[in-house]
């Protein structure tokens, strides 16, 4: 009698273990499938500025620093641009721009910013004499 009870207990334990593993695998597969659905990316495109920069478009996956310094992601060798002028950062599904203490400031849709600002599609960010259009692709 004890042998039958132990056998049934073992079978139930194995069945529960398989159900648990099945639930974990389906959750993991669902997460991987969900990652492919979000195909839209934030982009920053140079709309106005030096001729050699016009039309440049960058996909923002991580922080993108704009400035005059050669170490920045978008180098703007124009007047009124600081070495490290502004930074674009993706926060979850939003794109945020912040001024990095530049001398002449950063504008969003013609208005000066004093802290991080959440951007919308089509917003224009002004850095010196350069205009950057924010969009999704």
N, C-alpha and C. Protein backbone atom coordinates (compact mmCIF):
# COMPACT_ATOMS: atom_id res chain seq x y z
N UNK A 1 0.82 -1.20 0.00
CA UNK A 1 0.00 0.00 0.00
C UNK A 1 0.87 1.27 0.00
N UNK A 2 1.93 1.24 0.80
CA UNK A 2 2.82 2.41 0.85
C UNK A 2 3.53 2.56 -0.49
N UNK A 3 3.88 1.44 -1.13
CA UNK A 3 4.55 1.51 -2.44
C UNK A 3 3.66 2.19 -3.48
N UNK A 4 2.38 1.89 -3.47
CA UNK A 4 1.45 2.51 -4.42
C UNK A 4 1.31 4.00 -4.13
N UNK A 5 1.22 4.40 -2.87
CA UNK A 5 1.11 5.80 -2.48
C UNK A 5 2.36 6.57 -2.90
N UNK A 6 3.53 5.98 -2.67
CA UNK A 6 4.78 6.64 -3.07
C UNK A 6 4.86 6.77 -4.59
N UNK A 7 4.43 5.75 -5.32
CA UNK A 7 4.43 5.80 -6.78
C UNK A 7 3.52 6.91 -7.29
N UNK A 8 2.34 7.02 -6.72
CA UNK A 8 1.40 8.08 -7.13
C UNK A 8 1.97 9.45 -6.77
N UNK A 9 2.60 9.57 -5.61
CA UNK A 9 3.22 10.83 -5.21
C UNK A 9 4.33 11.24 -6.16
N UNK A 10 5.17 10.27 -6.57
CA UNK A 10 6.25 10.55 -7.52
C UNK A 10 5.69 10.99 -8.88
N UNK A 11 4.66 10.31 -9.35
CA UNK A 11 4.05 10.66 -10.64
C UNK A 11 3.46 12.07 -10.57
N UNK A 12 2.79 12.41 -9.47
CA UNK A 12 2.24 13.77 -9.31
C UNK A 12 3.35 14.82 -9.27
N UNK A 13 4.44 14.51 -8.57
CA UNK A 13 5.57 15.44 -8.49
C UNK A 13 6.17 15.68 -9.88
N UNK A 14 6.35 14.62 -10.65
CA UNK A 14 6.90 14.76 -12.00
C UNK A 14 5.93 15.55 -12.89
N UNK A 15 4.62 15.28 -12.76
CA UNK A 15 3.63 16.01 -13.56
C UNK A 15 3.65 17.50 -13.21
N UNK A 16 3.74 17.83 -11.92
CA UNK A 16 3.81 19.23 -11.51
C UNK A 16 5.09 19.89 -12.02
N UNK A 17 6.19 19.16 -11.99
CA UNK A 17 7.45 19.69 -12.49
C UNK A 17 7.35 19.99 -13.99
N UNK A 18 6.76 19.09 -14.77
CA UNK A 18 6.58 19.33 -16.20
C UNK A 18 5.64 20.51 -16.47
N UNK A 19 4.58 20.65 -15.69
CA UNK A 19 3.68 21.79 -15.85
C UNK A 19 4.41 23.10 -15.56
N UNK A 20 5.23 23.10 -14.52
CA UNK A 20 6.00 24.29 -14.18
C UNK A 20 6.97 24.65 -15.31
N UNK A 21 7.71 23.67 -15.81
CA UNK A 21 8.64 23.92 -16.90
C UNK A 21 7.91 24.39 -18.16
N UNK A 22 6.75 23.82 -18.45
CA UNK A 22 5.96 24.25 -19.60
C UNK A 22 5.54 25.71 -19.46
N UNK A 23 5.10 26.10 -18.25
CA UNK A 23 4.68 27.48 -18.01
C UNK A 23 5.87 28.44 -18.17
N UNK A 24 7.03 28.06 -17.67
CA UNK A 24 8.22 28.91 -17.79
C UNK A 24 8.62 29.06 -19.26
N UNK A 25 8.60 27.97 -20.01
CA UNK A 25 8.98 28.03 -21.42
C UNK A 25 8.01 28.88 -22.24
N UNK A 26 6.72 28.74 -22.02
CA UNK A 26 5.76 29.53 -22.80
C UNK A 26 5.88 31.02 -22.46
N UNK A 27 6.16 31.33 -21.22
CA UNK A 27 6.36 32.74 -20.84
C UNK A 27 7.60 33.29 -21.53
N UNK A 28 8.70 32.54 -21.52
CA UNK A 28 9.93 32.98 -22.18
C UNK A 28 9.75 33.16 -23.67
N UNK A 29 9.05 32.23 -24.31
CA UNK A 29 8.81 32.34 -25.75
C UNK A 29 7.94 33.56 -26.05
N UNK A 30 6.95 33.83 -25.20
CA UNK A 30 6.10 35.01 -25.38
C UNK A 30 6.90 36.29 -25.26
N UNK A 31 7.85 36.33 -24.33
CA UNK A 31 8.68 37.53 -24.18
C UNK A 31 9.56 37.74 -25.40
N UNK A 32 10.12 36.67 -25.93
CA UNK A 32 10.97 36.80 -27.11
C UNK A 32 10.15 37.25 -28.32
N UNK A 33 8.97 36.71 -28.49
CA UNK A 33 8.11 37.13 -29.60
C UNK A 33 7.72 38.59 -29.46
N UNK A 34 7.45 39.02 -28.23
CA UNK A 34 7.05 40.41 -27.98
C UNK A 34 8.15 41.40 -28.31
N UNK A 35 9.41 41.00 -28.20
CA UNK A 35 10.50 41.90 -28.51
C UNK A 35 10.53 42.26 -29.99
N UNK A 36 10.14 41.34 -30.84
CA UNK A 36 10.17 41.61 -32.27
C UNK A 36 9.05 42.53 -32.72
N UNK A 37 8.00 42.68 -31.94
CA UNK A 37 6.86 43.50 -32.35
C UNK A 37 7.17 44.98 -32.32
N UNK A 38 8.07 45.39 -31.41
CA UNK A 38 8.38 46.81 -31.30
C UNK A 38 9.48 47.16 -32.31
N UNK A 39 9.06 47.45 -33.53
CA UNK A 39 10.03 47.70 -34.58
C UNK A 39 10.28 49.19 -34.80
N UNK A 40 9.51 50.04 -34.15
CA UNK A 40 9.72 51.47 -34.37
C UNK A 40 10.85 51.97 -33.48
N UNK A 41 11.70 52.79 -34.07
CA UNK A 41 12.85 53.34 -33.36
C UNK A 41 12.76 54.85 -33.39
N UNK A 42 13.29 55.48 -32.36
CA UNK A 42 13.41 56.93 -32.36
C UNK A 42 14.61 57.30 -33.22
N UNK A 43 14.44 58.34 -34.03
CA UNK A 43 15.54 58.83 -34.85
C UNK A 43 15.72 60.33 -34.62
N UNK A 44 16.95 60.76 -34.84
CA UNK A 44 17.28 62.19 -34.80
C UNK A 44 17.92 62.50 -36.14
N UNK A 45 17.32 63.43 -36.89
CA UNK A 45 17.82 63.78 -38.22
C UNK A 45 18.17 65.25 -38.28
N UNK A 46 19.30 65.56 -38.89
CA UNK A 46 19.72 66.96 -39.05
C UNK A 46 18.87 67.57 -40.16
N UNK A 47 18.11 68.59 -39.79
CA UNK A 47 17.21 69.24 -40.75
C UNK A 47 17.87 70.49 -41.33
N UNK A 48 18.46 71.31 -40.46
CA UNK A 48 19.14 72.53 -40.90
C UNK A 48 20.48 72.61 -40.22
N UNK A 49 21.47 73.12 -40.94
CA UNK A 49 22.80 73.26 -40.37
C UNK A 49 23.84 73.18 -41.46
N UNK A 50 25.07 72.85 -41.09
CA UNK A 50 26.13 72.75 -42.10
C UNK A 50 25.76 71.75 -43.20
N UNK A 51 26.18 72.07 -44.40
CA UNK A 51 25.81 71.27 -45.57
C UNK A 51 26.21 69.80 -45.41
N UNK A 52 27.38 69.55 -44.83
CA UNK A 52 27.85 68.17 -44.69
C UNK A 52 27.04 67.35 -43.69
N UNK A 53 26.25 68.01 -42.84
CA UNK A 53 25.44 67.29 -41.86
C UNK A 53 23.98 67.11 -42.28
N UNK A 54 23.51 67.93 -43.20
CA UNK A 54 22.10 67.86 -43.59
C UNK A 54 21.74 66.48 -44.11
N UNK A 55 20.66 65.95 -43.59
CA UNK A 55 20.20 64.63 -44.00
C UNK A 55 20.74 63.49 -43.15
N UNK A 56 21.70 63.76 -42.27
CA UNK A 56 22.22 62.71 -41.40
C UNK A 56 21.12 62.29 -40.43
N UNK A 57 20.91 60.98 -40.34
CA UNK A 57 19.87 60.44 -39.46
C UNK A 57 20.48 59.36 -38.58
N UNK A 58 20.23 59.45 -37.27
CA UNK A 58 20.77 58.49 -36.32
C UNK A 58 19.63 57.84 -35.56
N UNK A 59 19.67 56.52 -35.44
CA UNK A 59 18.71 55.79 -34.62
C UNK A 59 19.19 55.84 -33.19
N UNK A 60 18.32 56.23 -32.27
CA UNK A 60 18.69 56.36 -30.87
C UNK A 60 18.34 55.07 -30.13
N UNK A 61 19.37 54.26 -29.86
CA UNK A 61 19.18 53.04 -29.06
C UNK A 61 19.69 53.26 -27.65
N UNK A 62 20.74 54.03 -27.53
CA UNK A 62 21.31 54.38 -26.23
C UNK A 62 21.50 55.88 -26.20
N UNK A 63 22.26 56.37 -25.24
CA UNK A 63 22.49 57.81 -25.19
C UNK A 63 23.24 58.30 -26.43
N UNK A 64 22.77 59.41 -27.01
CA UNK A 64 23.43 60.04 -28.16
C UNK A 64 23.79 61.46 -27.73
N UNK A 65 25.09 61.75 -27.72
CA UNK A 65 25.58 63.06 -27.30
C UNK A 65 25.90 63.88 -28.54
N UNK A 66 25.45 65.13 -28.51
CA UNK A 66 25.66 66.06 -29.63
C UNK A 66 26.55 67.19 -29.13
N UNK A 67 27.54 67.57 -29.94
CA UNK A 67 28.40 68.67 -29.57
C UNK A 67 29.52 68.90 -30.56
N UNK A 68 30.43 69.79 -30.21
CA UNK A 68 31.54 70.15 -31.09
C UNK A 68 32.74 69.23 -30.89
N UNK A 69 32.82 68.56 -29.76
CA UNK A 69 33.95 67.68 -29.44
C UNK A 69 33.98 66.46 -30.36
N UNK A 70 35.15 66.03 -30.79
CA UNK A 70 35.25 64.85 -31.66
C UNK A 70 34.77 63.56 -30.99
N UNK A 71 34.65 63.53 -29.69
CA UNK A 71 34.20 62.33 -28.98
C UNK A 71 32.69 62.19 -28.91
N UNK A 72 31.94 63.12 -29.44
CA UNK A 72 30.48 63.04 -29.38
C UNK A 72 29.95 62.19 -30.53
N UNK A 73 28.69 61.76 -30.41
CA UNK A 73 28.08 60.91 -31.43
C UNK A 73 27.72 61.69 -32.69
N UNK A 74 27.22 62.91 -32.51
CA UNK A 74 26.96 63.81 -33.65
C UNK A 74 27.86 65.03 -33.44
N UNK A 75 28.87 65.15 -34.29
CA UNK A 75 29.82 66.26 -34.17
C UNK A 75 29.33 67.41 -35.04
N UNK A 76 29.12 68.57 -34.38
CA UNK A 76 28.65 69.77 -35.08
C UNK A 76 29.73 70.84 -34.92
N UNK A 77 30.50 71.04 -35.97
CA UNK A 77 31.56 72.05 -35.95
C UNK A 77 30.98 73.37 -36.42
N UNK A 78 30.10 73.93 -35.62
CA UNK A 78 29.44 75.20 -35.96
C UNK A 78 29.49 76.12 -34.75
N UNK A 79 29.26 77.39 -35.03
CA UNK A 79 29.25 78.36 -33.95
C UNK A 79 28.13 78.12 -32.96
N UNK A 80 28.33 78.56 -31.74
CA UNK A 80 27.35 78.49 -30.66
C UNK A 80 27.08 77.06 -30.18
N UNK A 81 27.95 76.09 -30.52
CA UNK A 81 27.78 74.71 -30.07
C UNK A 81 28.91 74.39 -29.10
N UNK A 82 28.55 73.89 -27.91
CA UNK A 82 29.54 73.53 -26.90
C UNK A 82 30.15 72.18 -27.22
N UNK A 83 31.24 71.85 -26.52
CA UNK A 83 31.92 70.58 -26.73
C UNK A 83 31.00 69.38 -26.54
N UNK A 84 30.29 69.35 -25.43
CA UNK A 84 29.25 68.35 -25.16
C UNK A 84 27.99 69.14 -24.88
N UNK A 85 27.18 69.34 -25.88
CA UNK A 85 26.08 70.29 -25.81
C UNK A 85 24.80 69.69 -25.24
N UNK A 86 24.33 68.58 -25.81
CA UNK A 86 23.05 67.98 -25.40
C UNK A 86 23.13 66.46 -25.54
N UNK A 87 22.20 65.78 -24.83
CA UNK A 87 22.16 64.32 -24.90
C UNK A 87 20.73 63.86 -25.13
N UNK A 88 20.56 62.97 -26.10
CA UNK A 88 19.29 62.29 -26.35
C UNK A 88 19.37 60.92 -25.70
N UNK A 89 18.34 60.58 -24.93
CA UNK A 89 18.31 59.30 -24.23
C UNK A 89 16.95 58.67 -24.42
N UNK A 90 16.93 57.39 -24.64
CA UNK A 90 15.66 56.66 -24.74
C UNK A 90 15.31 56.14 -23.35
N UNK A 91 14.12 56.49 -22.88
CA UNK A 91 13.63 56.04 -21.59
C UNK A 91 12.33 55.28 -21.86
N UNK A 92 12.41 53.96 -21.76
CA UNK A 92 11.32 53.05 -22.10
C UNK A 92 10.90 53.34 -23.54
N UNK A 93 9.71 53.89 -23.79
CA UNK A 93 9.27 54.19 -25.16
C UNK A 93 9.38 55.67 -25.49
N UNK A 94 9.90 56.48 -24.57
CA UNK A 94 10.02 57.92 -24.80
C UNK A 94 11.45 58.29 -25.17
N UNK A 95 11.58 59.42 -25.85
CA UNK A 95 12.88 59.99 -26.14
C UNK A 95 13.00 61.29 -25.34
N UNK A 96 14.10 61.43 -24.62
CA UNK A 96 14.32 62.58 -23.74
C UNK A 96 15.56 63.31 -24.21
N UNK A 97 15.51 64.64 -24.22
CA UNK A 97 16.69 65.45 -24.51
C UNK A 97 17.00 66.28 -23.27
N UNK A 98 18.30 66.45 -23.01
CA UNK A 98 18.70 67.32 -21.90
C UNK A 98 19.94 68.09 -22.30
N UNK A 99 19.99 69.34 -21.86
CA UNK A 99 21.14 70.19 -22.10
C UNK A 99 22.23 69.78 -21.12
N UNK A 100 23.47 69.71 -21.59
CA UNK A 100 24.58 69.28 -20.74
C UNK A 100 25.38 70.47 -20.22
N UNK A 101 24.69 71.53 -19.88
CA UNK A 101 25.36 72.72 -19.35
C UNK A 101 26.04 73.54 -20.43
N UNK A 102 25.46 73.56 -21.60
CA UNK A 102 26.06 74.31 -22.72
C UNK A 102 25.99 75.81 -22.46
N UNK A 103 26.84 76.54 -23.13
CA UNK A 103 26.88 78.00 -22.97
C UNK A 103 25.64 78.67 -23.53
N UNK A 104 25.19 78.23 -24.71
CA UNK A 104 24.09 78.89 -25.39
C UNK A 104 22.75 78.19 -25.26
N UNK A 105 22.71 77.07 -24.57
CA UNK A 105 21.44 76.40 -24.31
C UNK A 105 20.94 75.55 -25.48
N UNK A 106 19.86 74.83 -25.19
CA UNK A 106 19.22 73.96 -26.16
C UNK A 106 17.76 74.35 -26.25
N UNK A 107 17.21 74.34 -27.45
CA UNK A 107 15.81 74.71 -27.67
C UNK A 107 15.01 73.49 -28.11
N UNK A 108 13.78 73.41 -27.66
CA UNK A 108 12.83 72.41 -28.15
C UNK A 108 11.63 73.18 -28.69
N UNK A 109 11.41 73.06 -29.98
CA UNK A 109 10.34 73.80 -30.66
C UNK A 109 10.43 75.30 -30.39
N UNK A 110 11.66 75.80 -30.39
CA UNK A 110 11.90 77.23 -30.23
C UNK A 110 11.94 77.72 -28.79
N UNK A 111 11.69 76.84 -27.82
CA UNK A 111 11.69 77.23 -26.41
C UNK A 111 12.92 76.68 -25.69
N UNK A 112 13.61 77.51 -24.91
CA UNK A 112 14.78 77.01 -24.18
C UNK A 112 14.36 76.01 -23.10
N UNK A 113 15.20 75.02 -22.88
CA UNK A 113 14.90 74.01 -21.86
C UNK A 113 15.86 74.18 -20.69
N UNK A 114 15.39 73.82 -19.50
CA UNK A 114 16.23 73.94 -18.30
C UNK A 114 16.49 72.59 -17.66
N UNK A 115 15.84 71.55 -18.14
CA UNK A 115 16.03 70.21 -17.60
C UNK A 115 15.66 69.20 -18.67
N UNK A 116 15.62 67.93 -18.32
CA UNK A 116 15.23 66.91 -19.30
C UNK A 116 13.81 67.14 -19.82
N UNK A 117 13.62 66.97 -21.13
CA UNK A 117 12.32 67.19 -21.77
C UNK A 117 11.98 65.95 -22.60
N UNK A 118 10.75 65.44 -22.42
CA UNK A 118 10.27 64.32 -23.23
C UNK A 118 9.85 64.87 -24.58
N UNK A 119 10.37 64.24 -25.64
CA UNK A 119 10.10 64.71 -26.99
C UNK A 119 8.99 63.91 -27.65
N UNK A 120 8.33 64.53 -28.60
CA UNK A 120 7.32 63.86 -29.40
C UNK A 120 7.77 63.80 -30.84
N UNK A 121 7.09 62.96 -31.61
CA UNK A 121 7.44 62.84 -33.02
C UNK A 121 7.23 64.17 -33.72
N UNK A 122 8.24 64.60 -34.48
CA UNK A 122 8.16 65.85 -35.21
C UNK A 122 8.72 67.05 -34.47
N UNK A 123 9.09 66.89 -33.21
CA UNK A 123 9.68 68.01 -32.45
C UNK A 123 11.01 68.41 -33.07
N UNK A 124 11.31 69.71 -32.96
CA UNK A 124 12.56 70.25 -33.48
C UNK A 124 13.43 70.66 -32.30
N UNK A 125 14.65 70.13 -32.26
CA UNK A 125 15.61 70.48 -31.22
C UNK A 125 16.66 71.39 -31.84
N UNK A 126 16.83 72.57 -31.25
CA UNK A 126 17.79 73.54 -31.75
C UNK A 126 19.06 73.53 -30.93
N UNK A 127 20.18 73.31 -31.61
CA UNK A 127 21.50 73.33 -30.97
C UNK A 127 22.35 74.27 -31.79
N UNK A 128 22.60 75.46 -31.24
CA UNK A 128 23.31 76.48 -32.01
C UNK A 128 22.51 76.84 -33.24
N UNK A 129 23.13 76.74 -34.41
CA UNK A 129 22.46 77.06 -35.67
C UNK A 129 21.92 75.80 -36.35
N UNK A 130 21.91 74.68 -35.65
CA UNK A 130 21.50 73.40 -36.22
C UNK A 130 20.14 73.00 -35.67
N UNK A 131 19.27 72.52 -36.56
CA UNK A 131 17.95 72.02 -36.18
C UNK A 131 17.92 70.52 -36.41
N UNK A 132 17.49 69.79 -35.36
CA UNK A 132 17.38 68.34 -35.42
C UNK A 132 15.92 67.96 -35.28
N UNK A 133 15.42 67.18 -36.23
CA UNK A 133 14.03 66.72 -36.19
C UNK A 133 13.98 65.32 -35.57
N UNK A 134 13.08 65.16 -34.61
CA UNK A 134 12.90 63.89 -33.92
C UNK A 134 11.76 63.14 -34.59
N UNK A 135 11.94 61.86 -34.81
CA UNK A 135 10.88 61.07 -35.44
C UNK A 135 10.99 59.60 -35.08
N UNK A 136 10.09 58.83 -35.64
CA UNK A 136 10.09 57.37 -35.47
C UNK A 136 10.18 56.73 -36.85
N UNK A 137 10.85 55.60 -36.87
CA UNK A 137 10.93 54.89 -38.16
C UNK A 137 10.55 53.44 -37.97
